[in-house]
Amino acid sequence: MTTLRPDLKFLFAHPAHLIAFGFGSGLAPKAPGTVGTLLGLPLFWLIVAAAPDLPNQIILLTAAFLLGVWACGRAGRALGVADHGGMVWDEIVAFALVLLFTPAGWMWIGLAFALFRLFDILKPWPIRLADTRLKNGFGVMFDDLLAALYAIAIIKGLQWLV
């Protein structure tokens, strides 16, 4: 299978590509994962506006996760790369999840962003294991879900301390 280089033509060739590449944020020439993570904030705001209670917010995020499994799987097959660096829907959804459990305030949001990026980049156990073993749409989404859980645990621990 040939590996394609994603561009605007690829992005608009199929809705899955547009979603997987975070509506174009994954085409950023440097640090597409970081750029994509920033889109987790508007997704979080949309989810909170659509569903003011946590159970329904989790349902919406679960739907976004499942949408990502499909979109990233489809885009990965089209590219010939299971987990292309430009596919950032996983960062978007995972960071929105972190924000659901982050206290209000820009300091906390900044900390949540830094922690999520740290765990997504360093991939401590079992994130690295999931990243190396799971190579489909679910695998793309799952390792970022684990990074989100690490970030949430640290944030909740800090909240308890403060």
N, C-alpha and C. Protein backbone atom coordinates (compact mmCIF):
# COMPACT_ATOMS: atom_id res chain seq x y z
N MET A 1 0.84 -1.18 0.00
CA MET A 1 0.00 0.00 0.00
C MET A 1 0.89 1.25 0.00
N THR A 2 0.53 2.22 -0.78
CA THR A 2 1.28 3.46 -0.88
C THR A 2 0.90 4.40 0.25
N THR A 3 1.90 5.08 0.79
CA THR A 3 1.64 6.07 1.82
C THR A 3 1.43 7.42 1.15
N LEU A 4 0.29 8.03 1.42
CA LEU A 4 -0.04 9.35 0.87
C LEU A 4 0.41 10.45 1.82
N ARG A 5 0.66 11.60 1.27
CA ARG A 5 0.95 12.79 2.09
C ARG A 5 -0.35 13.58 2.17
N PRO A 6 -0.90 13.72 3.37
CA PRO A 6 -2.19 14.43 3.48
C PRO A 6 -2.06 15.91 3.11
N ASP A 7 -3.08 16.40 2.43
CA ASP A 7 -3.17 17.81 2.05
C ASP A 7 -4.65 18.18 2.05
N LEU A 8 -4.96 19.39 1.60
CA LEU A 8 -6.36 19.83 1.59
C LEU A 8 -7.23 18.94 0.72
N LYS A 9 -6.69 18.49 -0.39
CA LYS A 9 -7.46 17.59 -1.27
C LYS A 9 -7.82 16.30 -0.52
N PHE A 10 -6.84 15.73 0.18
CA PHE A 10 -7.09 14.53 0.98
C PHE A 10 -8.12 14.83 2.07
N LEU A 11 -7.96 15.97 2.73
CA LEU A 11 -8.84 16.35 3.83
C LEU A 11 -10.30 16.36 3.41
N PHE A 12 -10.58 16.90 2.21
CA PHE A 12 -11.96 17.04 1.76
C PHE A 12 -12.43 15.88 0.88
N ALA A 13 -11.59 14.85 0.73
CA ALA A 13 -11.97 13.70 -0.09
C ALA A 13 -13.02 12.83 0.61
N HIS A 14 -13.06 12.88 1.94
CA HIS A 14 -14.01 12.05 2.70
C HIS A 14 -14.24 12.70 4.07
N PRO A 15 -15.47 12.67 4.59
CA PRO A 15 -15.73 13.27 5.91
C PRO A 15 -14.85 12.68 7.01
N ALA A 16 -14.49 11.41 6.92
CA ALA A 16 -13.64 10.79 7.94
C ALA A 16 -12.27 11.47 7.99
N HIS A 17 -11.75 11.86 6.83
CA HIS A 17 -10.45 12.52 6.79
C HIS A 17 -10.53 13.88 7.49
N LEU A 18 -11.60 14.61 7.23
CA LEU A 18 -11.79 15.93 7.82
C LEU A 18 -11.86 15.82 9.35
N ILE A 19 -12.59 14.83 9.83
CA ILE A 19 -12.73 14.63 11.27
C ILE A 19 -11.40 14.17 11.87
N ALA A 20 -10.80 13.13 11.30
CA ALA A 20 -9.55 12.59 11.84
C ALA A 20 -8.46 13.65 11.93
N PHE A 21 -8.41 14.54 10.93
CA PHE A 21 -7.40 15.59 10.90
C PHE A 21 -7.86 16.87 11.59
N GLY A 22 -8.86 16.74 12.46
CA GLY A 22 -9.29 17.86 13.29
C GLY A 22 -9.66 19.10 12.50
N PHE A 23 -10.43 18.87 11.42
CA PHE A 23 -10.91 19.97 10.57
C PHE A 23 -9.76 20.82 10.02
N GLY A 24 -8.62 20.17 9.81
CA GLY A 24 -7.47 20.82 9.21
C GLY A 24 -6.35 21.11 10.18
N SER A 25 -6.60 21.08 11.48
CA SER A 25 -5.56 21.39 12.46
C SER A 25 -4.41 20.37 12.39
N GLY A 26 -4.71 19.16 11.96
CA GLY A 26 -3.67 18.13 11.84
C GLY A 26 -2.72 18.36 10.68
N LEU A 27 -3.03 19.32 9.83
CA LEU A 27 -2.13 19.66 8.73
C LEU A 27 -1.09 20.71 9.15
N ALA A 28 -1.12 21.14 10.40
CA ALA A 28 -0.14 22.12 10.90
C ALA A 28 1.27 21.57 10.63
N PRO A 29 2.17 22.41 10.09
CA PRO A 29 3.50 21.93 9.75
C PRO A 29 4.35 21.54 10.96
N LYS A 30 4.08 22.14 12.11
CA LYS A 30 4.82 21.79 13.33
C LYS A 30 3.84 21.49 14.45
N ALA A 31 4.14 20.44 15.20
CA ALA A 31 3.37 20.06 16.39
C ALA A 31 1.86 19.94 16.14
N PRO A 32 1.45 19.13 15.15
CA PRO A 32 0.01 19.01 14.89
C PRO A 32 -0.77 18.47 16.09
N GLY A 33 -0.15 17.60 16.90
CA GLY A 33 -0.84 17.09 18.08
C GLY A 33 -1.14 18.17 19.09
N THR A 34 -0.21 19.09 19.24
CA THR A 34 -0.42 20.21 20.16
C THR A 34 -1.48 21.15 19.62
N VAL A 35 -1.42 21.43 18.32
CA VAL A 35 -2.43 22.30 17.69
C VAL A 35 -3.80 21.65 17.81
N GLY A 36 -3.87 20.35 17.53
CA GLY A 36 -5.15 19.64 17.65
C GLY A 36 -5.68 19.64 19.07
N THR A 37 -4.78 19.48 20.04
CA THR A 37 -5.21 19.47 21.44
C THR A 37 -5.96 20.75 21.79
N LEU A 38 -5.51 21.87 21.24
CA LEU A 38 -6.17 23.15 21.51
C LEU A 38 -7.64 23.13 21.10
N LEU A 39 -7.99 22.33 20.08
CA LEU A 39 -9.39 22.24 19.65
C LEU A 39 -10.26 21.46 20.65
N GLY A 40 -9.62 20.83 21.61
CA GLY A 40 -10.38 20.17 22.67
C GLY A 40 -11.17 21.18 23.50
N LEU A 41 -10.66 22.40 23.59
CA LEU A 41 -11.35 23.43 24.38
C LEU A 41 -12.70 23.80 23.76
N PRO A 42 -12.78 24.14 22.45
CA PRO A 42 -14.10 24.42 21.88
C PRO A 42 -15.03 23.20 21.90
N LEU A 43 -14.46 21.99 21.73
CA LEU A 43 -15.31 20.79 21.81
C LEU A 43 -15.89 20.67 23.22
N PHE A 44 -15.06 20.90 24.22
CA PHE A 44 -15.52 20.89 25.62
C PHE A 44 -16.65 21.90 25.82
N TRP A 45 -16.47 23.13 25.32
CA TRP A 45 -17.51 24.16 25.46
C TRP A 45 -18.79 23.74 24.78
N LEU A 46 -18.70 23.14 23.60
CA LEU A 46 -19.90 22.66 22.89
C LEU A 46 -20.61 21.57 23.69
N ILE A 47 -19.84 20.66 24.23
CA ILE A 47 -20.43 19.56 25.00
C ILE A 47 -21.13 20.08 26.26
N VAL A 48 -20.48 20.99 26.96
CA VAL A 48 -21.07 21.57 28.18
C VAL A 48 -22.34 22.36 27.84
N ALA A 49 -22.31 23.06 26.71
CA ALA A 49 -23.50 23.83 26.29
C ALA A 49 -24.65 22.90 25.90
N ALA A 50 -24.33 21.77 25.29
CA ALA A 50 -25.36 20.83 24.82
C ALA A 50 -25.90 19.97 25.95
N ALA A 51 -25.07 19.67 26.93
CA ALA A 51 -25.47 18.77 28.02
C ALA A 51 -24.88 19.29 29.32
N PRO A 52 -25.68 19.95 30.15
CA PRO A 52 -25.15 20.55 31.37
C PRO A 52 -24.80 19.55 32.48
N ASP A 53 -25.22 18.28 32.38
CA ASP A 53 -24.90 17.32 33.44
C ASP A 53 -23.84 16.33 32.98
N LEU A 54 -23.01 15.88 33.91
CA LEU A 54 -21.86 15.02 33.61
C LEU A 54 -22.23 13.72 32.89
N PRO A 55 -23.27 13.00 33.30
CA PRO A 55 -23.58 11.75 32.58
C PRO A 55 -23.83 11.98 31.08
N ASN A 56 -24.57 13.02 30.75
CA ASN A 56 -24.83 13.28 29.32
C ASN A 56 -23.59 13.82 28.61
N GLN A 57 -22.75 14.53 29.32
CA GLN A 57 -21.48 14.98 28.73
C GLN A 57 -20.61 13.77 28.39
N ILE A 58 -20.57 12.79 29.28
CA ILE A 58 -19.81 11.57 29.04
C ILE A 58 -20.37 10.83 27.82
N ILE A 59 -21.70 10.80 27.70
CA ILE A 59 -22.32 10.16 26.53
C ILE A 59 -21.89 10.85 25.25
N LEU A 60 -21.89 12.18 25.24
CA LEU A 60 -21.45 12.92 24.04
C LEU A 60 -19.98 12.67 23.74
N LEU A 61 -19.15 12.63 24.78
CA LEU A 61 -17.73 12.35 24.56
C LEU A 61 -17.51 10.91 24.08
N THR A 62 -18.32 9.98 24.57
CA THR A 62 -18.23 8.61 24.09
C THR A 62 -18.59 8.55 22.61
N ALA A 63 -19.61 9.29 22.22
CA ALA A 63 -19.98 9.35 20.79
C ALA A 63 -18.84 9.95 19.97
N ALA A 64 -18.19 11.00 20.50
CA ALA A 64 -17.05 11.61 19.80
C ALA A 64 -15.89 10.63 19.71
N PHE A 65 -15.68 9.82 20.76
CA PHE A 65 -14.64 8.79 20.75
C PHE A 65 -14.93 7.76 19.67
N LEU A 66 -16.17 7.27 19.63
CA LEU A 66 -16.55 6.26 18.63
C LEU A 66 -16.47 6.82 17.21
N LEU A 67 -16.85 8.08 17.05
CA LEU A 67 -16.69 8.74 15.75
C LEU A 67 -15.21 8.75 15.36
N GLY A 68 -14.35 9.00 16.32
CA GLY A 68 -12.91 9.00 16.07
C GLY A 68 -12.37 7.63 15.71
N VAL A 69 -12.89 6.59 16.34
CA VAL A 69 -12.47 5.22 15.98
C VAL A 69 -12.73 4.99 14.49
N TRP A 70 -13.92 5.34 14.06
CA TRP A 70 -14.28 5.18 12.64
C TRP A 70 -13.43 6.09 11.75
N ALA A 71 -13.38 7.39 12.08
CA ALA A 71 -12.70 8.37 11.22
C ALA A 71 -11.20 8.10 11.13
N CYS A 72 -10.56 7.83 12.26
CA CYS A 72 -9.12 7.59 12.25
C CYS A 72 -8.79 6.26 11.56
N GLY A 73 -9.64 5.27 11.75
CA GLY A 73 -9.44 4.00 11.05
C GLY A 73 -9.53 4.17 9.54
N ARG A 74 -10.53 4.88 9.11
CA ARG A 74 -10.74 5.12 7.67
C ARG A 74 -9.61 5.98 7.09
N ALA A 75 -9.25 7.06 7.77
CA ALA A 75 -8.17 7.94 7.28
C ALA A 75 -6.84 7.21 7.27
N GLY A 76 -6.59 6.42 8.30
CA GLY A 76 -5.34 5.66 8.37
C GLY A 76 -5.21 4.67 7.22
N ARG A 77 -6.30 3.99 6.91
CA ARG A 77 -6.27 3.05 5.77
C ARG A 77 -6.04 3.79 4.46
N ALA A 78 -6.68 4.94 4.30
CA ALA A 78 -6.52 5.72 3.07
C ALA A 78 -5.09 6.23 2.92
N LEU A 79 -4.44 6.56 4.04
CA LEU A 79 -3.07 7.06 4.01
C LEU A 79 -2.03 5.96 3.93
N GLY A 80 -2.40 4.76 4.35
CA GLY A 80 -1.43 3.67 4.43
C GLY A 80 -0.59 3.75 5.69
N VAL A 81 -1.04 4.54 6.66
CA VAL A 81 -0.35 4.70 7.95
C VAL A 81 -1.42 4.62 9.04
N ALA A 82 -1.33 3.60 9.89
CA ALA A 82 -2.37 3.37 10.88
C ALA A 82 -2.57 4.54 11.84
N ASP A 83 -1.46 5.18 12.25
CA ASP A 83 -1.56 6.27 13.23
C ASP A 83 -0.72 7.45 12.74
N HIS A 84 -1.18 8.10 11.71
CA HIS A 84 -0.47 9.25 11.14
C HIS A 84 -0.47 10.40 12.14
N GLY A 85 0.65 11.11 12.25
CA GLY A 85 0.80 12.21 13.20
C GLY A 85 -0.19 13.34 13.01
N GLY A 86 -0.73 13.47 11.80
CA GLY A 86 -1.70 14.52 11.53
C GLY A 86 -3.11 14.20 11.97
N MET A 87 -3.35 12.94 12.32
CA MET A 87 -4.68 12.57 12.82
C MET A 87 -4.75 13.01 14.28
N VAL A 88 -5.52 14.04 14.55
CA VAL A 88 -5.53 14.67 15.87
C VAL A 88 -6.88 14.60 16.58
N TRP A 89 -7.85 13.92 15.98
CA TRP A 89 -9.15 13.81 16.65
C TRP A 89 -8.99 13.16 18.02
N ASP A 90 -8.02 12.25 18.13
CA ASP A 90 -7.76 11.59 19.41
C ASP A 90 -7.35 12.59 20.49
N GLU A 91 -6.47 13.55 20.14
CA GLU A 91 -6.08 14.58 21.10
C GLU A 91 -7.26 15.49 21.45
N ILE A 92 -8.05 15.84 20.45
CA ILE A 92 -9.19 16.74 20.67
C ILE A 92 -10.17 16.14 21.67
N VAL A 93 -10.56 14.91 21.45
CA VAL A 93 -11.55 14.25 22.31
C VAL A 93 -10.96 13.99 23.70
N ALA A 94 -9.72 13.52 23.75
CA ALA A 94 -9.10 13.21 25.05
C ALA A 94 -8.93 14.47 25.90
N PHE A 95 -8.52 15.58 25.27
CA PHE A 95 -8.36 16.81 26.05
C PHE A 95 -9.71 17.34 26.52
N ALA A 96 -10.74 17.20 25.71
CA ALA A 96 -12.09 17.59 26.15
C ALA A 96 -12.49 16.78 27.38
N LEU A 97 -12.13 15.50 27.41
CA LEU A 97 -12.41 14.66 28.58
C LEU A 97 -11.67 15.20 29.81
N VAL A 98 -10.40 15.52 29.64
CA VAL A 98 -9.63 16.08 30.77
C VAL A 98 -10.32 17.33 31.30
N LEU A 99 -10.79 18.18 30.39
CA LEU A 99 -11.42 19.43 30.81
C LEU A 99 -12.71 19.21 31.58
N LEU A 100 -13.40 18.08 31.32
CA LEU A 100 -14.62 17.78 32.09
C LEU A 100 -14.32 17.62 33.58
N PHE A 101 -13.08 17.25 33.90
CA PHE A 101 -12.71 17.00 35.29
C PHE A 101 -11.70 18.02 35.82
N THR A 102 -11.58 19.14 35.11
CA THR A 102 -10.65 20.20 35.49
C THR A 102 -11.42 21.36 36.11
N PRO A 103 -10.95 21.87 37.24
CA PRO A 103 -11.63 23.03 37.84
C PRO A 103 -11.61 24.22 36.87
N ALA A 104 -12.56 25.11 37.07
CA ALA A 104 -12.65 26.32 36.24
C ALA A 104 -11.43 27.21 36.49
N GLY A 105 -11.06 27.95 35.46
CA GLY A 105 -9.95 28.90 35.58
C GLY A 105 -8.84 28.57 34.60
N TRP A 106 -8.25 29.64 34.06
CA TRP A 106 -7.22 29.46 33.03
C TRP A 106 -5.97 28.77 33.56
N MET A 107 -5.65 28.96 34.84
CA MET A 107 -4.49 28.27 35.40
C MET A 107 -4.69 26.76 35.36
N TRP A 108 -5.87 26.31 35.76
CA TRP A 108 -6.17 24.89 35.75
C TRP A 108 -6.21 24.35 34.32
N ILE A 109 -6.80 25.12 33.40
CA ILE A 109 -6.86 24.70 32.00
C ILE A 109 -5.46 24.58 31.42
N GLY A 110 -4.60 25.54 31.74
CA GLY A 110 -3.21 25.49 31.27
C GLY A 110 -2.48 24.27 31.83
N LEU A 111 -2.71 23.99 33.11
CA LEU A 111 -2.10 22.82 33.74
C LEU A 111 -2.63 21.54 33.09
N ALA A 112 -3.93 21.48 32.85
CA ALA A 112 -4.54 20.31 32.21
C ALA A 112 -3.93 20.09 30.83
N PHE A 113 -3.76 21.16 30.06
CA PHE A 113 -3.15 21.08 28.74
C PHE A 113 -1.72 20.53 28.84
N ALA A 114 -0.93 21.11 29.74
CA ALA A 114 0.47 20.68 29.89
C ALA A 114 0.57 19.22 30.32
N LEU A 115 -0.25 18.83 31.28
CA LEU A 115 -0.22 17.43 31.75
C LEU A 115 -0.64 16.46 30.65
N PHE A 116 -1.71 16.80 29.95
CA PHE A 116 -2.16 15.90 28.88
C PHE A 116 -1.09 15.76 27.81
N ARG A 117 -0.50 16.88 27.36
CA ARG A 117 0.55 16.82 26.33
C ARG A 117 1.75 16.03 26.85
N LEU A 118 2.13 16.23 28.11
CA LEU A 118 3.26 15.51 28.70
C LEU A 118 3.03 14.00 28.62
N PHE A 119 1.85 13.54 29.07
CA PHE A 119 1.59 12.10 29.07
C PHE A 119 1.39 11.57 27.65
N ASP A 120 0.84 12.38 26.75
CA ASP A 120 0.67 11.95 25.37
C ASP A 120 2.02 11.81 24.67
N ILE A 121 2.96 12.67 25.00
CA ILE A 121 4.28 12.62 24.37
C ILE A 121 5.18 11.56 25.02
N LEU A 122 5.24 11.53 26.34
CA LEU A 122 6.13 10.58 27.03
C LEU A 122 5.61 9.14 26.98
N LYS A 123 4.30 8.99 26.95
CA LYS A 123 3.65 7.69 26.90
C LYS A 123 4.18 6.70 27.96
N PRO A 124 3.97 7.03 29.25
CA PRO A 124 4.35 6.06 30.29
C PRO A 124 3.47 4.82 30.20
N TRP A 125 3.94 3.74 30.87
CA TRP A 125 3.17 2.50 30.87
C TRP A 125 1.78 2.76 31.44
N PRO A 126 0.73 2.23 30.90
CA PRO A 126 0.60 1.34 29.75
C PRO A 126 0.30 2.05 28.43
N ILE A 127 0.48 3.38 28.40
CA ILE A 127 0.16 4.13 27.19
C ILE A 127 1.03 3.66 26.03
N ARG A 128 2.34 3.53 26.25
CA ARG A 128 3.25 3.09 25.19
C ARG A 128 2.89 1.69 24.69
N LEU A 129 2.51 0.82 25.61
CA LEU A 129 2.10 -0.54 25.25
C LEU A 129 0.89 -0.50 24.32
N ALA A 130 -0.10 0.29 24.67
CA ALA A 130 -1.30 0.43 23.83
C ALA A 130 -0.93 1.04 22.48
N ASP A 131 -0.05 2.04 22.50
CA ASP A 131 0.35 2.73 21.27
C ASP A 131 1.07 1.78 20.31
N THR A 132 1.88 0.87 20.84
CA THR A 132 2.64 -0.04 19.97
C THR A 132 1.82 -1.25 19.54
N ARG A 133 0.87 -1.66 20.35
CA ARG A 133 0.13 -2.89 20.03
C ARG A 133 -1.18 -2.68 19.27
N LEU A 134 -1.84 -1.57 19.51
CA LEU A 134 -3.14 -1.32 18.89
C LEU A 134 -2.95 -0.39 17.70
N LYS A 135 -3.19 -0.88 16.50
CA LYS A 135 -2.88 -0.09 15.30
C LYS A 135 -4.08 0.11 14.38
N ASN A 136 -5.21 0.38 14.92
CA ASN A 136 -6.38 0.68 14.09
C ASN A 136 -7.03 1.94 14.66
N GLY A 137 -8.21 2.25 14.23
CA GLY A 137 -8.88 3.45 14.73
C GLY A 137 -9.03 3.43 16.24
N PHE A 138 -9.33 2.26 16.80
CA PHE A 138 -9.45 2.16 18.26
C PHE A 138 -8.11 2.44 18.93
N GLY A 139 -7.04 1.90 18.38
CA GLY A 139 -5.71 2.12 18.94
C GLY A 139 -5.30 3.58 18.91
N VAL A 140 -5.63 4.27 17.82
CA VAL A 140 -5.33 5.69 17.70
C VAL A 140 -6.00 6.46 18.84
N MET A 141 -7.25 6.14 19.09
CA MET A 141 -8.03 6.86 20.10
C MET A 141 -7.66 6.43 21.53
N PHE A 142 -7.36 5.14 21.72
CA PHE A 142 -7.23 4.58 23.07
C PHE A 142 -6.01 5.10 23.83
N ASP A 143 -4.86 5.22 23.16
CA ASP A 143 -3.68 5.66 23.91
C ASP A 143 -3.85 7.09 24.43
N ASP A 144 -4.59 7.93 23.70
CA ASP A 144 -4.84 9.29 24.18
C ASP A 144 -5.85 9.28 25.32
N LEU A 145 -6.78 8.34 25.30
CA LEU A 145 -7.70 8.18 26.42
C LEU A 145 -6.91 7.86 27.70
N LEU A 146 -5.91 6.99 27.58
CA LEU A 146 -5.08 6.67 28.74
C LEU A 146 -4.29 7.89 29.22
N ALA A 147 -3.74 8.67 28.28
CA ALA A 147 -3.03 9.91 28.65
C ALA A 147 -3.98 10.87 29.38
N ALA A 148 -5.22 10.92 28.92
CA ALA A 148 -6.22 11.77 29.58
C ALA A 148 -6.47 11.31 31.01
N LEU A 149 -6.54 10.00 31.22
CA LEU A 149 -6.78 9.47 32.56
C LEU A 149 -5.62 9.80 33.50
N TYR A 150 -4.39 9.73 33.01
CA TYR A 150 -3.24 10.14 33.81
C TYR A 150 -3.36 11.61 34.21
N ALA A 151 -3.69 12.48 33.24
CA ALA A 151 -3.81 13.91 33.52
C ALA A 151 -4.92 14.18 34.52
N ILE A 152 -6.05 13.51 34.36
CA ILE A 152 -7.17 13.67 35.30
C ILE A 152 -6.76 13.25 36.71
N ALA A 153 -6.03 12.14 36.82
CA ALA A 153 -5.60 11.66 38.14
C ALA A 153 -4.71 12.69 38.83
N ILE A 154 -3.79 13.30 38.09
CA ILE A 154 -2.90 14.31 38.67
C ILE A 154 -3.71 15.55 39.08
N ILE A 155 -4.62 15.98 38.23
CA ILE A 155 -5.44 17.16 38.53
C ILE A 155 -6.28 16.92 39.78
N LYS A 156 -6.90 15.74 39.86
CA LYS A 156 -7.73 15.44 41.04
C LYS A 156 -6.87 15.35 42.29
N GLY A 157 -5.66 14.80 42.17
CA GLY A 157 -4.75 14.75 43.30
C GLY A 157 -4.36 16.15 43.77
N LEU A 158 -4.07 17.02 42.83
CA LEU A 158 -3.74 18.41 43.16
C LEU A 158 -4.92 19.13 43.80
N GLN A 159 -6.10 18.89 43.30
CA GLN A 159 -7.31 19.49 43.89
C GLN A 159 -7.47 19.07 45.34
N TRP A 160 -7.20 17.81 45.59
CA TRP A 160 -7.33 17.28 46.93
C TRP A 160 -6.32 17.94 47.87
N LEU A 161 -5.10 18.21 47.34
CA LEU A 161 -4.05 18.82 48.14
C LEU A 161 -4.28 20.30 48.42
N VAL A 162 -4.94 20.97 47.47
CA VAL A 162 -5.06 22.43 47.60
C VAL A 162 -6.26 22.83 48.40
